[in-house]
Amino acid sequence: MSDQLFLAYDYPVLGAFWTVMWIFLWVFWLVLLFRVITDVFRDHDMSGPAKAAWILFVIVVPFLGVLAYVIVRGDGMGKREIRHVREQQAAFNDYLRETAGADDGSANVDRLAKLSDLKARGDISEAEYQRAKEKILH
């Protein structure tokens, strides 16, 4: 019984190394597979039938399909990724500008106009008007 228990825990270091290496290679290959599939759909220059052919090739013969795609179209993968990131950054910047308001001073002009109307109607005093104007301008 003790021999069986000892054998259950007998795992050589080289075996552990190979197990970790195979797990790493498997995860690396899965990441590469999904990068290729994402790149196929991200490429706006490729026609629909060409996209379908690449996806079918990658699914039917995965290792050979991914290797062939990286060899044939690998140069453009980085360029398409950079273009995609730039498009995302531009969309995010546009969203921030839209949410935060215009940065060209038109928002300040509107605030000053409203403030001037409040002063003209007598809702605020001259001192309050000057303090609010200073806050807007600085």
Protein backbone atom coordinates (compact mmCIF):
# COMPACT_ATOMS: atom_id res chain seq x y z
CA MET A 1 0.00 0.00 0.00
CA SER A 2 2.77 2.42 0.82
CA ASP A 3 4.45 1.66 -2.53
CA GLN A 4 1.31 2.64 -4.38
CA LEU A 5 1.07 5.85 -2.40
CA PHE A 6 4.71 6.61 -3.14
CA LEU A 7 4.18 6.02 -6.89
CA ALA A 8 1.24 8.39 -6.94
CA TYR A 9 3.54 11.20 -5.85
CA ASP A 10 6.51 10.15 -7.98
CA TYR A 11 6.63 12.78 -10.72
CA PRO A 12 10.04 13.55 -12.18
CA VAL A 13 11.11 17.14 -12.68
CA LEU A 14 11.61 16.58 -16.41
CA GLY A 15 8.05 15.28 -16.68
CA ALA A 16 6.77 18.40 -14.94
CA PHE A 17 8.81 20.54 -17.31
CA TRP A 18 7.34 18.80 -20.37
CA THR A 19 3.82 19.12 -18.98
CA VAL A 20 4.25 22.84 -18.39
CA MET A 21 5.79 23.27 -21.85
CA TRP A 22 2.91 21.47 -23.58
CA ILE A 23 0.35 23.52 -21.65
CA PHE A 24 2.19 26.71 -22.63
CA LEU A 25 2.34 25.67 -26.30
CA TRP A 26 -1.34 24.72 -26.27
CA VAL A 27 -2.37 28.10 -24.79
CA PHE A 28 -0.02 29.90 -27.20
CA TRP A 29 -1.59 28.08 -30.14
CA LEU A 30 -5.14 28.89 -28.96
CA VAL A 31 -4.25 32.58 -28.62
CA LEU A 32 -2.73 32.53 -32.11
CA LEU A 33 -5.81 30.74 -33.50
CA PHE A 34 -8.17 33.38 -32.11
CA ARG A 35 -5.87 36.19 -33.28
CA VAL A 36 -6.01 34.75 -36.81
CA ILE A 37 -9.81 34.43 -36.71
CA THR A 38 -10.12 37.99 -35.38
CA ASP A 39 -7.75 39.26 -38.06
CA VAL A 40 -9.73 37.56 -40.81
CA PHE A 41 -12.90 39.37 -39.74
CA ARG A 42 -11.06 42.66 -39.10
CA ASP A 43 -9.59 42.85 -42.62
CA HIS A 44 -11.89 45.11 -44.65
CA ASP A 45 -9.92 44.55 -47.86
CA MET A 46 -10.62 40.81 -47.96
CA SER A 47 -13.78 39.66 -49.74
CA GLY A 48 -16.46 37.56 -48.08
CA PRO A 49 -15.63 34.33 -49.93
CA ALA A 50 -11.93 34.75 -49.08
CA LYS A 51 -12.82 35.22 -45.40
CA ALA A 52 -15.02 32.12 -45.51
CA ALA A 53 -12.25 30.11 -47.17
CA TRP A 54 -9.66 31.14 -44.58
CA ILE A 55 -12.02 30.41 -41.67
CA LEU A 56 -12.91 27.02 -43.15
CA PHE A 57 -9.23 26.24 -43.71
CA VAL A 58 -8.34 27.24 -40.15
CA ILE A 59 -11.19 25.18 -38.68
CA VAL A 60 -10.75 22.05 -40.83
CA VAL A 61 -6.94 21.88 -40.66
CA PRO A 62 -6.18 24.07 -37.62
CA PHE A 63 -2.40 23.81 -37.28
CA LEU A 64 -1.71 23.99 -41.00
CA GLY A 65 -4.37 26.70 -41.50
CA VAL A 66 -2.95 28.97 -38.81
CA LEU A 67 0.59 28.41 -40.04
CA ALA A 68 -0.42 29.15 -43.66
CA TYR A 69 -2.32 32.30 -42.62
CA VAL A 70 0.62 33.63 -40.63
CA ILE A 71 2.99 32.95 -43.53
CA VAL A 72 0.73 34.41 -46.25
CA ARG A 73 -0.95 37.29 -44.42
CA GLY A 74 1.17 37.74 -41.29
CA ASP A 75 2.71 41.03 -42.47
CA GLY A 76 -0.62 42.84 -42.37
CA MET A 77 -1.77 41.45 -39.01
CA GLY A 78 0.22 44.01 -37.03
CA LYS A 79 -0.85 46.86 -39.30
CA ARG A 80 -4.52 45.92 -38.97
CA GLU A 81 -4.13 45.64 -35.19
CA ILE A 82 -2.55 49.11 -35.01
CA ARG A 83 -5.30 50.56 -37.22
CA HIS A 84 -7.95 48.95 -35.02
CA VAL A 85 -6.38 50.35 -31.83
CA ARG A 86 -6.16 53.82 -33.39
CA GLU A 87 -9.83 53.64 -34.41
CA GLN A 88 -10.78 52.63 -30.88
CA GLN A 89 -8.69 55.46 -29.41
CA ALA A 90 -10.27 57.99 -31.78
CA ALA A 91 -13.75 56.77 -30.85
CA PHE A 92 -12.88 57.02 -27.17
CA ASN A 93 -11.47 60.53 -27.60
CA ASP A 94 -14.61 61.60 -29.49
CA TYR A 95 -16.74 60.18 -26.70
CA LEU A 96 -14.73 62.08 -24.09
CA ARG A 97 -15.01 65.34 -26.03
CA GLU A 98 -18.75 64.84 -26.45
CA THR A 99 -19.26 63.97 -22.80
CA ALA A 100 -17.00 66.66 -21.35
CA GLY A 101 -18.30 69.37 -23.65
CA ALA A 102 -16.65 71.47 -26.28
CA ASP A 103 -13.17 72.62 -25.46
CA ASP A 104 -13.19 75.52 -27.91
CA GLY A 105 -14.66 78.03 -25.45
CA SER A 106 -18.24 77.90 -26.71
CA ALA A 107 -19.38 76.39 -23.40
CA ASN A 108 -17.82 79.34 -21.55
CA VAL A 109 -19.54 81.79 -23.87
CA ASP A 110 -22.89 80.15 -23.09
CA ARG A 111 -22.22 80.31 -19.35
CA LEU A 112 -21.22 83.96 -19.54
CA ALA A 113 -24.37 84.77 -21.51
CA LYS A 114 -26.56 83.07 -18.90
CA LEU A 115 -24.67 84.82 -16.14
CA SER A 116 -25.16 88.15 -17.87
CA ASP A 117 -28.90 87.48 -18.18
CA LEU A 118 -29.10 86.71 -14.44
CA LYS A 119 -27.36 89.98 -13.65
CA ALA A 120 -29.56 91.93 -16.07
CA ARG A 121 -32.72 90.54 -14.44
CA GLY A 122 -31.38 91.43 -11.01
CA ASP A 123 -31.24 87.84 -9.77
CA ILE A 124 -27.59 88.23 -8.77
CA SER A 125 -25.59 91.21 -7.52
CA GLU A 126 -22.59 92.78 -9.22
CA ALA A 127 -20.20 91.11 -6.74
CA GLU A 128 -21.76 87.68 -7.36
CA TYR A 129 -21.56 88.29 -11.09
CA GLN A 130 -17.84 89.16 -10.89
CA ARG A 131 -17.06 86.10 -8.74
CA ALA A 132 -18.92 83.74 -11.10
CA LYS A 133 -17.30 85.39 -14.14
CA GLU A 134 -13.84 84.84 -12.64
CA LYS A 135 -14.63 81.16 -12.02
CA ILE A 136 -15.75 80.69 -15.62
CA LEU A 137 -12.78 82.47 -17.15
CA HIS A 138 -10.16 80.73 -14.99
